[in-house]
Protein backbone atom coordinates (compact mmCIF):
# COMPACT_ATOMS: atom_id res chain seq x y z
CA UNK A 1 4.95 14.48 19.89
CA UNK A 2 5.51 15.11 16.17
CA UNK A 3 5.91 11.32 15.49
CA UNK A 4 2.45 10.80 16.84
CA UNK A 5 0.95 13.32 14.47
CA UNK A 6 2.95 11.89 11.56
CA UNK A 7 1.71 8.44 12.30
CA UNK A 8 -1.89 9.72 12.49
CA UNK A 9 -1.58 11.53 9.18
CA UNK A 10 -0.13 8.29 7.58
CA UNK A 11 -3.12 6.26 8.99
CA UNK A 12 -5.64 8.90 7.77
CA UNK A 13 -4.05 8.85 4.27
CA UNK A 14 -4.01 5.07 4.26
CA UNK A 15 -7.86 5.02 5.19
CA UNK A 16 -8.81 7.78 2.69
CA UNK A 17 -6.76 6.31 -0.23
CA UNK A 18 -8.44 2.89 0.28
CA UNK A 19 -11.78 4.33 0.30
CA UNK A 20 -11.13 6.44 -2.81
CA UNK A 21 -9.70 3.42 -4.70
CA UNK A 22 -12.81 1.36 -3.74
CA UNK A 23 -15.45 3.98 -4.48
CA UNK A 24 -14.10 6.55 -6.80
CA UNK A 25 -11.45 5.20 -9.05
CA UNK A 26 -12.59 3.90 -12.45
CA UNK A 27 -9.17 3.15 -13.97
CA UNK A 28 -9.37 -0.54 -15.41
CA UNK A 29 -5.64 -0.97 -14.83
CA UNK A 30 -6.24 -0.98 -11.00
CA UNK A 31 -7.27 -4.37 -9.84
CA UNK A 32 -7.98 -5.70 -6.31
CA UNK A 33 -5.53 -3.59 -4.21
CA UNK A 34 -5.00 -3.36 -0.56
CA UNK A 35 -3.16 -0.39 1.12
CA UNK A 36 -1.04 -2.13 3.73
CA UNK A 37 0.74 0.98 5.13
CA UNK A 38 1.82 4.46 4.65
CA UNK A 39 5.08 6.03 5.78
CA UNK A 40 5.16 9.84 5.98
CA UNK A 41 8.30 11.83 6.19
CA UNK A 42 8.86 14.02 9.22
CA UNK A 43 8.34 17.25 7.14
CA UNK A 44 4.95 15.75 5.63
CA UNK A 45 6.22 16.32 2.12
CA UNK A 46 6.34 12.67 0.88
CA UNK A 47 4.34 9.69 1.73
CA UNK A 48 5.35 6.03 0.63
CA UNK A 49 2.27 4.04 0.12
CA UNK A 50 2.58 0.29 0.43
CA UNK A 51 0.26 -1.97 -1.59
CA UNK A 52 -0.49 -5.50 -2.23
CA UNK A 53 -2.38 -6.69 -5.30
CA UNK A 54 -4.27 -9.85 -5.79
CA UNK A 55 -3.57 -11.38 -9.22
CA UNK A 56 -0.72 -12.18 -11.61
CA UNK A 57 2.69 -10.30 -11.88
CA UNK A 58 1.29 -8.51 -15.00
CA UNK A 59 -1.88 -7.37 -13.02
CA UNK A 60 0.27 -6.28 -10.15
CA UNK A 61 2.47 -4.15 -12.39
CA UNK A 62 -0.56 -2.66 -14.21
CA UNK A 63 -2.12 -1.71 -10.84
CA UNK A 64 1.06 -0.13 -9.62
CA UNK A 65 1.46 1.82 -12.92
CA UNK A 66 -2.17 2.94 -12.68
CA UNK A 67 -1.91 4.15 -9.15
CA UNK A 68 1.38 5.96 -9.92
CA UNK A 69 -0.24 7.67 -12.99
CA UNK A 70 -3.24 8.56 -10.71
CA UNK A 71 -1.36 10.00 -7.87
CA UNK A 72 -2.27 13.63 -8.80
CA UNK A 73 -5.92 12.75 -8.89
CA UNK A 74 -5.53 10.92 -5.65
CA UNK A 75 -3.91 13.97 -3.98
CA UNK A 76 -6.58 16.23 -5.25
CA UNK A 77 -9.36 14.08 -3.75
CA UNK A 78 -7.16 13.60 -0.53
CA UNK A 79 -6.96 17.34 -0.19
CA UNK A 80 -10.76 17.66 -0.09
CA UNK A 81 -10.96 15.02 2.66
CA UNK A 82 -7.93 15.81 4.77
CA UNK A 83 -7.46 19.33 5.99
CA UNK A 84 -3.76 19.71 6.55
CA UNK A 85 -1.53 22.53 5.32
CA UNK A 86 0.47 20.45 2.91
CA UNK A 87 -0.51 17.14 1.56
CA UNK A 88 2.43 14.80 0.78
CA UNK A 89 3.44 13.64 -2.65
CA UNK A 90 2.47 10.06 -3.05
CA UNK A 91 4.72 7.28 -4.05
CA UNK A 92 3.45 3.77 -4.46
CA UNK A 93 5.45 0.59 -3.73
CA UNK A 94 4.68 -3.13 -3.40
CA UNK A 95 4.78 -4.31 0.27
CA UNK A 96 7.58 -6.67 0.55
CA UNK A 97 6.51 -8.09 3.97
CA UNK A 98 3.66 -10.19 2.41
CA UNK A 99 5.85 -11.90 -0.07
CA UNK A 100 8.50 -12.49 2.65
CA UNK A 101 5.78 -13.84 5.01
CA UNK A 102 4.61 -16.30 2.42
CA UNK A 103 8.16 -17.54 1.62
CA UNK A 104 8.81 -18.04 5.37
CA UNK A 105 5.54 -19.85 5.66
CA UNK A 106 6.47 -22.07 2.81
CA UNK A 107 9.95 -22.77 4.27
CA UNK A 108 8.27 -23.86 7.66
CA UNK A 109 5.82 -26.07 5.88
CA UNK A 110 8.68 -27.79 3.95
CA UNK A 111 10.53 -28.27 7.18
CA UNK A 112 7.50 -29.95 8.90
CA UNK A 113 7.05 -32.07 5.66
CA UNK A 114 10.74 -33.21 5.95
CA UNK A 115 10.29 -34.05 9.66
CA UNK A 116 7.23 -36.22 9.05
CA UNK A 117 9.05 -38.08 6.31
CA UNK A 118 12.26 -38.65 8.25
CA UNK A 119 10.80 -38.80 11.77
């Protein structure tokens, strides 16, 4: 039963952070970012927020740094939107699944090209 609640809190945090970034954040370091997931610990004290950023490696690092530096501001706004006893600490990470997926897609494409040239 608790895992369902934790999952719902994670989804709610994901939706609200996305909305805040789009509508209320004015930090020039933060580029085109997508929140891909939020993992909340069982005690609701920590939340790992996974992101993808459109742009160069430098823009990605800048966005991650901007979000990390703004985590207190984000928590303050989240506290006004989400009524729970304790709002988790936010830690931002790049979502590795997107990069892995692109690498796998490239490998598959290369395999098909090899088959076409050899077949």
